[in-house]
PDB file of all heavy atoms in Angstrom:
ATOM      1  N   CYS A   1     144.116  16.343 136.990  1.00  0.00           N
ATOM      2  CA  CYS A   1     143.390  16.136 138.234  1.00  0.00           C
ATOM      3  C   CYS A   1     142.672  14.801 138.234  1.00  0.00           C
ATOM      4  O   CYS A   1     142.583  14.118 139.254  1.00  0.00           O
ATOM      5  CB  CYS A   1     142.405  17.276 138.485  1.00  0.00           C
ATOM      6  SG  CYS A   1     143.198  18.858 138.877  1.00  0.00           S
ATOM      7  N   HIS A   2     142.114  14.402 137.068  1.00  0.00           N
ATOM      8  CA  HIS A   2     141.415  13.132 137.015  1.00  0.00           C
ATOM      9  C   HIS A   2     142.411  11.977 137.218  1.00  0.00           C
ATOM     10  O   HIS A   2     142.100  10.994 137.918  1.00  0.00           O
ATOM     11  CB  HIS A   2     140.738  12.987 135.647  1.00  0.00           C
ATOM     12  CG  HIS A   2     139.988  11.696 135.486  1.00  0.00           C
ATOM     13  ND1 HIS A   2     138.878  11.376 136.217  1.00  0.00           N
ATOM     14  CD2 HIS A   2     140.228  10.626 134.667  1.00  0.00           C
ATOM     15  CE1 HIS A   2     138.441  10.184 135.866  1.00  0.00           C
ATOM     16  NE2 HIS A   2     139.241   9.698 134.941  1.00  0.00           N
ATOM     17  N   ARG A   3     143.613  12.099 136.623  1.00  0.00           N
ATOM     18  CA  ARG A   3     144.609  11.048 136.797  1.00  0.00           C
ATOM     19  C   ARG A   3     145.093  10.946 138.239  1.00  0.00           C
ATOM     20  O   ARG A   3     145.316   9.853 138.745  1.00  0.00           O
ATOM     21  CB  ARG A   3     145.801  11.317 135.870  1.00  0.00           C
ATOM     22  CG  ARG A   3     146.893  10.278 135.920  1.00  0.00           C
ATOM     23  CD  ARG A   3     148.026  10.613 134.945  1.00  0.00           C
ATOM     24  NE  ARG A   3     148.663  11.865 135.302  1.00  0.00           N
ATOM     25  CZ  ARG A   3     149.634  11.959 136.219  1.00  0.00           C
ATOM     26  NH1 ARG A   3     150.026  10.887 136.885  1.00  0.00           N
ATOM     27  NH2 ARG A   3     150.185  13.118 136.479  1.00  0.00           N
ATOM     28  N   ARG A   4     145.251  12.098 138.913  1.00  0.00           N
ATOM     29  CA  ARG A   4     145.749  12.111 140.285  1.00  0.00           C
ATOM     30  C   ARG A   4     144.629  12.039 141.304  1.00  0.00           C
ATOM     31  O   ARG A   4     144.888  12.094 142.503  1.00  0.00           O
ATOM     32  CB  ARG A   4     146.550  13.389 140.505  1.00  0.00           C
ATOM     33  CG  ARG A   4     147.811  13.476 139.667  1.00  0.00           C
ATOM     34  CD  ARG A   4     148.464  14.859 139.773  1.00  0.00           C
ATOM     35  NE  ARG A   4     148.824  15.166 141.142  1.00  0.00           N
ATOM     36  CZ  ARG A   4     149.982  14.866 141.696  1.00  0.00           C
ATOM     37  NH1 ARG A   4     150.869  14.202 141.004  1.00  0.00           N
ATOM     38  NH2 ARG A   4     150.250  15.198 142.940  1.00  0.00           N
ATOM     39  N   LYS A   5     143.374  11.936 140.836  1.00  0.00           N
ATOM     40  CA  LYS A   5     142.193  11.870 141.724  1.00  0.00           C
ATOM     41  C   LYS A   5     142.157  13.079 142.654  1.00  0.00           C
ATOM     42  O   LYS A   5     142.033  12.966 143.866  1.00  0.00           O
ATOM     43  CB  LYS A   5     142.193  10.564 142.536  1.00  0.00           C
ATOM     44  CG  LYS A   5     142.109   9.312 141.684  1.00  0.00           C
ATOM     45  CD  LYS A   5     141.971   8.077 142.532  1.00  0.00           C
ATOM     46  CE  LYS A   5     141.952   6.814 141.699  1.00  0.00           C
ATOM     47  NZ  LYS A   5     140.843   6.793 140.745  1.00  0.00           N
ATOM     48  N   GLN A   6     142.333  14.235 142.053  1.00  0.00           N
ATOM     49  CA  GLN A   6     142.288  15.488 142.800  1.00  0.00           C
ATOM     50  C   GLN A   6     141.052  16.276 142.402  1.00  0.00           C
ATOM     51  O   GLN A   6     140.483  16.073 141.327  1.00  0.00           O
ATOM     52  CB  GLN A   6     143.543  16.338 142.512  1.00  0.00           C
ATOM     53  CG  GLN A   6     144.804  15.825 143.141  1.00  0.00           C
ATOM     54  CD  GLN A   6     145.959  16.758 142.866  1.00  0.00           C
ATOM     55  OE1 GLN A   6     146.067  17.311 141.778  1.00  0.00           O
ATOM     56  NE2 GLN A   6     146.815  16.954 143.842  1.00  0.00           N
ATOM     57  N   LYS A   7     140.661  17.163 143.260  1.00  0.00           N
ATOM     58  CA  LYS A   7     139.541  18.041 142.971  1.00  0.00           C
ATOM     59  C   LYS A   7     139.996  19.178 142.040  1.00  0.00           C
ATOM     60  O   LYS A   7     141.088  19.713 142.227  1.00  0.00           O
ATOM     61  CB  LYS A   7     138.985  18.619 144.250  1.00  0.00           C
ATOM     62  CG  LYS A   7     138.482  17.545 145.189  1.00  0.00           C
ATOM     63  CD  LYS A   7     138.049  18.118 146.499  1.00  0.00           C
ATOM     64  CE  LYS A   7     137.598  17.008 147.417  1.00  0.00           C
ATOM     65  NZ  LYS A   7     137.164  17.525 148.724  1.00  0.00           N
ATOM     66  N   CYS A   8     139.178  19.470 141.087  1.00  0.00           N
ATOM     67  CA  CYS A   8     139.543  20.455 140.069  1.00  0.00           C
ATOM     68  C   CYS A   8     138.549  21.603 140.074  1.00  0.00           C
ATOM     69  O   CYS A   8     137.347  21.395 140.230  1.00  0.00           O
ATOM     70  CB  CYS A   8     139.545  19.780 138.678  1.00  0.00           C
ATOM     71  SG  CYS A   8     140.114  20.852 137.340  1.00  0.00           S
ATOM     72  N   ASP A   9     139.045  22.832 139.937  1.00  0.00           N
ATOM     73  CA  ASP A   9     138.157  23.984 139.968  1.00  0.00           C
ATOM     74  C   ASP A   9     137.665  24.370 138.556  1.00  0.00           C
ATOM     75  O   ASP A   9     137.000  25.383 138.376  1.00  0.00           O
ATOM     76  CB  ASP A   9     138.826  25.168 140.632  1.00  0.00           C
ATOM     77  CG  ASP A   9     140.101  25.603 139.934  1.00  0.00           C
ATOM     78  OD1 ASP A   9     140.450  25.007 138.895  1.00  0.00           O
ATOM     79  OD2 ASP A   9     140.755  26.540 140.439  1.00  0.00           O
ATOM     80  N   ARG A  10     138.079  23.554 137.543  1.00  0.00           N
ATOM     81  CA  ARG A  10     137.600  23.743 136.174  1.00  0.00           C
ATOM     82  C   ARG A  10     138.084  25.024 135.517  1.00  0.00           C
ATOM     83  O   ARG A  10     137.522  25.466 134.530  1.00  0.00           O
ATOM     84  CB  ARG A  10     136.053  23.689 136.126  1.00  0.00           C
ATOM     85  CG  ARG A  10     135.472  22.322 136.435  1.00  0.00           C
ATOM     86  CD  ARG A  10     135.785  21.330 135.360  1.00  0.00           C
ATOM     87  NE  ARG A  10     135.198  21.724 134.091  1.00  0.00           N
ATOM     88  CZ  ARG A  10     135.618  21.305 132.904  1.00  0.00           C
ATOM     89  NH1 ARG A  10     136.642  20.486 132.837  1.00  0.00           N
ATOM     90  NH2 ARG A  10     135.040  21.707 131.792  1.00  0.00           N
ATOM     91  N   GLU A  11     139.114  25.662 136.082  1.00  0.00           N
ATOM     92  CA  GLU A  11     139.716  26.796 135.405  1.00  0.00           C
ATOM     93  C   GLU A  11     140.721  26.259 134.382  1.00  0.00           C
ATOM     94  O   GLU A  11     141.025  25.063 134.337  1.00  0.00           O
ATOM     95  CB  GLU A  11     140.412  27.697 136.425  1.00  0.00           C
ATOM     96  CG  GLU A  11     139.468  28.304 137.462  1.00  0.00           C
ATOM     97  CD  GLU A  11     138.512  29.305 136.868  1.00  0.00           C
ATOM     98  OE1 GLU A  11     138.835  29.855 135.790  1.00  0.00           O
ATOM     99  OE2 GLU A  11     137.449  29.524 137.453  1.00  0.00           O
ATOM    100  N   LEU A  12     141.237  27.160 133.573  1.00  0.00           N
ATOM    101  CA  LEU A  12     142.215  26.759 132.571  1.00  0.00           C
ATOM    102  C   LEU A  12     143.399  27.755 132.591  1.00  0.00           C
ATOM    103  O   LEU A  12     143.270  28.883 132.102  1.00  0.00           O
ATOM    104  CB  LEU A  12     141.581  26.729 131.168  1.00  0.00           C
ATOM    105  CG  LEU A  12     142.507  26.181 130.065  1.00  0.00           C
ATOM    106  CD1 LEU A  12     142.824  24.715 130.343  1.00  0.00           C
ATOM    107  CD2 LEU A  12     141.819  26.306 128.708  1.00  0.00           C
ATOM    108  N   PRO A  13     144.545  27.410 133.167  1.00  0.00           N
ATOM    109  CA  PRO A  13     144.780  26.148 133.888  1.00  0.00           C
ATOM    110  C   PRO A  13     144.136  26.171 135.271  1.00  0.00           C
ATOM    111  O   PRO A  13     143.905  27.253 135.831  1.00  0.00           O
ATOM    112  CB  PRO A  13     146.296  26.092 133.963  1.00  0.00           C
ATOM    113  CG  PRO A  13     146.712  27.534 133.986  1.00  0.00           C
ATOM    114  CD  PRO A  13     145.746  28.251 133.086  1.00  0.00           C
ATOM    115  N   CYS A  14     143.876  25.001 135.828  1.00  0.00           N
ATOM    116  CA  CYS A  14     143.251  24.919 137.162  1.00  0.00           C
ATOM    117  C   CYS A  14     144.289  25.227 138.236  1.00  0.00           C
ATOM    118  O   CYS A  14     145.509  25.262 137.981  1.00  0.00           O
ATOM    119  CB  CYS A  14     142.635  23.542 137.356  1.00  0.00           C
ATOM    120  SG  CYS A  14     143.856  22.221 137.565  1.00  0.00           S
ATOM    121  N   SER A  15     143.812  25.425 139.457  1.00  0.00           N
ATOM    122  CA  SER A  15     144.714  25.824 140.551  1.00  0.00           C
ATOM    123  C   SER A  15     145.713  24.722 140.889  1.00  0.00           C
ATOM    124  O   SER A  15     146.855  25.007 141.248  1.00  0.00           O
ATOM    125  CB  SER A  15     143.897  26.176 141.809  1.00  0.00           C
ATOM    126  OG  SER A  15     143.135  25.066 142.220  1.00  0.00           O
ATOM    127  N   ASN A  16     145.295  23.444 140.774  1.00  0.00           N
ATOM    128  CA  ASN A  16     146.230  22.364 141.079  1.00  0.00           C
ATOM    129  C   ASN A  16     147.375  22.334 140.091  1.00  0.00           C
ATOM    130  O   ASN A  16     148.543  22.162 140.486  1.00  0.00           O
ATOM    131  CB  ASN A  16     145.485  21.012 141.044  1.00  0.00           C
ATOM    132  CG  ASN A  16     144.539  20.855 142.199  1.00  0.00           C
ATOM    133  OD1 ASN A  16     144.779  21.359 143.286  1.00  0.00           O
ATOM    134  ND2 ASN A  16     143.423  20.158 141.994  1.00  0.00           N
ATOM    135  N   CYS A  17     147.083  22.492 138.819  1.00  0.00           N
ATOM    136  CA  CYS A  17     148.156  22.499 137.813  1.00  0.00           C
ATOM    137  C   CYS A  17     149.039  23.710 137.978  1.00  0.00           C
ATOM    138  O   CYS A  17     150.261  23.644 137.753  1.00  0.00           O
ATOM    139  CB  CYS A  17     147.535  22.451 136.406  1.00  0.00           C
ATOM    140  SG  CYS A  17     146.741  20.859 136.017  1.00  0.00           S
ATOM    141  N   ARG A  18     148.467  24.856 138.361  1.00  0.00           N
ATOM    142  CA  ARG A  18     149.310  26.037 138.582  1.00  0.00           C
ATOM    143  C   ARG A  18     150.246  25.815 139.759  1.00  0.00           C
ATOM    144  O   ARG A  18     151.414  26.198 139.702  1.00  0.00           O
ATOM    145  CB  ARG A  18     148.430  27.277 138.841  1.00  0.00           C
ATOM    146  CG  ARG A  18     147.699  27.793 137.617  1.00  0.00           C
ATOM    147  CD  ARG A  18     147.264  29.242 137.796  1.00  0.00           C
ATOM    148  NE  ARG A  18     146.448  29.405 138.992  1.00  0.00           N
ATOM    149  CZ  ARG A  18     145.125  29.372 138.991  1.00  0.00           C
ATOM    150  NH1 ARG A  18     144.463  29.141 137.861  1.00  0.00           N
ATOM    151  NH2 ARG A  18     144.437  29.541 140.104  1.00  0.00           N
ATOM    152  N   SER A  19     149.747  25.223 140.825  1.00  0.00           N
ATOM    153  CA  SER A  19     150.584  25.028 142.021  1.00  0.00           C
ATOM    154  C   SER A  19     151.700  24.029 141.753  1.00  0.00           C
ATOM    155  O   SER A  19     152.731  24.055 142.405  1.00  0.00           O
ATOM    156  CB  SER A  19     149.730  24.558 143.199  1.00  0.00           C
ATOM    157  OG  SER A  19     149.167  23.294 142.939  1.00  0.00           O
ATOM    158  N   ARG A  20     151.490  23.112 140.795  1.00  0.00           N
ATOM    159  CA  ARG A  20     152.489  22.099 140.470  1.00  0.00           C
ATOM    160  C   ARG A  20     153.315  22.472 139.245  1.00  0.00           C
ATOM    161  O   ARG A  20     154.067  21.650 138.747  1.00  0.00           O
ATOM    162  CB  ARG A  20     151.797  20.756 140.234  1.00  0.00           C
ATOM    163  CG  ARG A  20     151.119  20.197 141.464  1.00  0.00           C
ATOM    164  CD  ARG A  20     150.283  18.960 141.196  1.00  0.00           C
ATOM    165  NE  ARG A  20     151.046  17.958 140.461  1.00  0.00           N
ATOM    166  CZ  ARG A  20     150.733  17.507 139.227  1.00  0.00           C
ATOM    167  NH1 ARG A  20     149.661  17.981 138.611  1.00  0.00           N
ATOM    168  NH2 ARG A  20     151.463  16.596 138.640  1.00  0.00           N
ATOM    169  N   ASN A  21     153.144  23.717 138.758  1.00  0.00           N
ATOM    170  CA  ASN A  21     153.865  24.171 137.565  1.00  0.00           C
ATOM    171  C   ASN A  21     153.606  23.256 136.359  1.00  0.00           C
ATOM    172  O   ASN A  21     154.524  22.937 135.571  1.00  0.00           O
ATOM    173  CB  ASN A  21     155.372  24.252 137.854  1.00  0.00           C
ATOM    174  CG  ASN A  21     155.701  25.288 138.868  1.00  0.00           C
ATOM    175  OD1 ASN A  21     155.084  26.351 138.911  1.00  0.00           O
ATOM    176  ND2 ASN A  21     156.665  25.018 139.758  1.00  0.00           N
ATOM    177  N   ARG A  22     152.369  22.806 136.230  1.00  0.00           N
ATOM    178  CA  ARG A  22     151.986  21.932 135.115  1.00  0.00           C
ATOM    179  C   ARG A  22     150.913  22.592 134.267  1.00  0.00           C
ATOM    180  O   ARG A  22     149.989  21.944 133.774  1.00  0.00           O
ATOM    181  CB  ARG A  22     151.470  20.590 135.664  1.00  0.00           C
ATOM    182  CG  ARG A  22     152.514  19.788 136.412  1.00  0.00           C
ATOM    183  CD  ARG A  22     153.465  19.120 135.484  1.00  0.00           C
ATOM    184  NE  ARG A  22     152.820  18.101 134.660  1.00  0.00           N
ATOM    185  CZ  ARG A  22     153.380  17.486 133.648  1.00  0.00           C
ATOM    186  NH1 ARG A  22     154.615  17.784 133.293  1.00  0.00           N
ATOM    187  NH2 ARG A  22     152.727  16.591 132.936  1.00  0.00           N
ATOM    188  N   GLU A  23     150.989  23.890 134.077  1.00  0.00           N
ATOM    189  CA  GLU A  23     149.972  24.599 133.312  1.00  0.00           C
ATOM    190  C   GLU A  23     149.813  24.061 131.900  1.00  0.00           C
ATOM    191  O   GLU A  23     148.712  23.965 131.369  1.00  0.00           O
ATOM    192  CB  GLU A  23     150.300  26.093 133.263  1.00  0.00           C
ATOM    193  CG  GLU A  23     150.210  26.806 134.606  1.00  0.00           C
ATOM    194  CD  GLU A  23     151.539  26.808 135.344  1.00  0.00           C
ATOM    195  OE1 GLU A  23     152.380  25.953 135.012  1.00  0.00           O
ATOM    196  OE2 GLU A  23     151.712  27.633 136.248  1.00  0.00           O
ATOM    197  N   SER A  24     150.930  23.671 131.292  1.00  0.00           N
ATOM    198  CA  SER A  24     150.869  23.193 129.909  1.00  0.00           C
ATOM    199  C   SER A  24     150.137  21.870 129.776  1.00  0.00           C
ATOM    200  O   SER A  24     149.644  21.525 128.691  1.00  0.00           O
ATOM    201  CB  SER A  24     152.274  23.064 129.338  1.00  0.00           C
ATOM    202  OG  SER A  24     153.043  22.142 130.119  1.00  0.00           O
ATOM    203  N   ALA A  25     150.062  21.100 130.850  1.00  0.00           N
ATOM    204  CA  ALA A  25     149.423  19.783 130.797  1.00  0.00           C
ATOM    205  C   ALA A  25     147.940  19.843 131.162  1.00  0.00           C
ATOM    206  O   ALA A  25     147.262  18.824 131.149  1.00  0.00           O
ATOM    207  CB  ALA A  25     150.148  18.807 131.723  1.00  0.00           C
ATOM    208  N   CYS A  26     147.453  21.013 131.534  1.00  0.00           N
ATOM    209  CA  CYS A  26     146.058  21.141 131.973  1.00  0.00           C
ATOM    210  C   CYS A  26     145.138  21.200 130.744  1.00  0.00           C
ATOM    211  O   CYS A  26     145.197  22.150 129.943  1.00  0.00           O
ATOM    212  CB  CYS A  26     145.891  22.394 132.830  1.00  0.00           C
ATOM    213  SG  CYS A  26     144.250  22.521 133.606  1.00  0.00           S
ATOM    214  N   SER A  27     144.311  20.195 130.575  1.00  0.00           N
ATOM    215  CA  SER A  27     143.366  20.141 129.448  1.00  0.00           C
ATOM    216  C   SER A  27     142.136  19.364 129.858  1.00  0.00           C
ATOM    217  O   SER A  27     142.142  18.606 130.835  1.00  0.00           O
ATOM    218  CB  SER A  27     144.034  19.488 128.222  1.00  0.00           C
ATOM    219  OG  SER A  27     144.408  18.152 128.523  1.00  0.00           O
ATOM    220  N   TYR A  28     141.062  19.542 129.081  1.00  0.00           N
ATOM    221  CA  TYR A  28     139.776  18.914 129.419  1.00  0.00           C
ATOM    222  C   TYR A  28     139.279  18.083 128.243  1.00  0.00           C
ATOM    223  O   TYR A  28     139.603  18.359 127.066  1.00  0.00           O
ATOM    224  CB  TYR A  28     138.745  19.985 129.769  1.00  0.00           C
ATOM    225  CG  TYR A  28     139.091  20.768 131.011  1.00  0.00           C
ATOM    226  CD1 TYR A  28     139.908  21.909 130.932  1.00  0.00           C
ATOM    227  CD2 TYR A  28     138.624  20.382 132.253  1.00  0.00           C
ATOM    228  CE1 TYR A  28     140.235  22.622 132.063  1.00  0.00           C
ATOM    229  CE2 TYR A  28     138.945  21.101 133.405  1.00  0.00           C
ATOM    230  CZ  TYR A  28     139.750  22.199 133.304  1.00  0.00           C
ATOM    231  OH  TYR A  28     140.072  22.911 134.426  1.00  0.00           O
ATOM    232  N   ASP A  29     138.460  17.080 128.537  1.00  0.00           N
ATOM    233  CA  ASP A  29     137.848  16.282 127.483  1.00  0.00           C
ATOM    234  C   ASP A  29     136.840  17.121 126.693  1.00  0.00           C
ATOM    235  O   ASP A  29     136.128  17.953 127.270  1.00  0.00           O
ATOM    236  CB  ASP A  29     137.120  15.078 128.081  1.00  0.00           C
ATOM    237  CG  ASP A  29     138.084  14.055 128.650  1.00  0.00           C
ATOM    238  OD1 ASP A  29     139.266  14.092 128.228  1.00  0.00           O
ATOM    239  OD2 ASP A  29     137.674  13.257 129.503  1.00  0.00           O
ATOM    240  N   PRO A  30     136.747  16.922 125.392  1.00  0.00           N
ATOM    241  CA  PRO A  30     135.743  17.647 124.604  1.00  0.00           C
ATOM    242  C   PRO A  30     134.334  17.313 125.073  1.00  0.00           C
ATOM    243  O   PRO A  30     134.010  16.179 125.400  1.00  0.00           O
ATOM    244  CB  PRO A  30     135.973  17.146 123.161  1.00  0.00           C
ATOM    245  CG  PRO A  30     137.354  16.605 123.183  1.00  0.00           C
ATOM    246  CD  PRO A  30     137.602  16.060 124.550  1.00  0.00           C
ATOM    247  N   GLY A  31     133.506  18.319 125.166  1.00  0.00           N
ATOM    248  CA  GLY A  31     132.135  18.118 125.578  1.00  0.00           C
ATOM    249  C   GLY A  31     131.923  18.136 127.070  1.00  0.00           C
ATOM    250  O   GLY A  31     130.782  18.028 127.532  1.00  0.00           O
ATOM    251  N   ALA A  32     132.997  18.262 127.858  1.00  0.00           N
ATOM    252  CA  ALA A  32     132.842  18.320 129.313  1.00  0.00           C
ATOM    253  C   ALA A  32     132.207  19.644 129.706  1.00  0.00           C
ATOM    254  O   ALA A  32     132.387  20.654 129.021  1.00  0.00           O
ATOM    255  CB  ALA A  32     134.197  18.146 129.994  1.00  0.00           C
TER     256      ALA A  32
END
């Protein structure tokens, strides 16, 4: 979401990644 400048709901995986079938690529920076 950060790369695509999209809003993220902070779930794991987030809704945007689920809708794009990119669940495996959904990850967060440590400490966020």
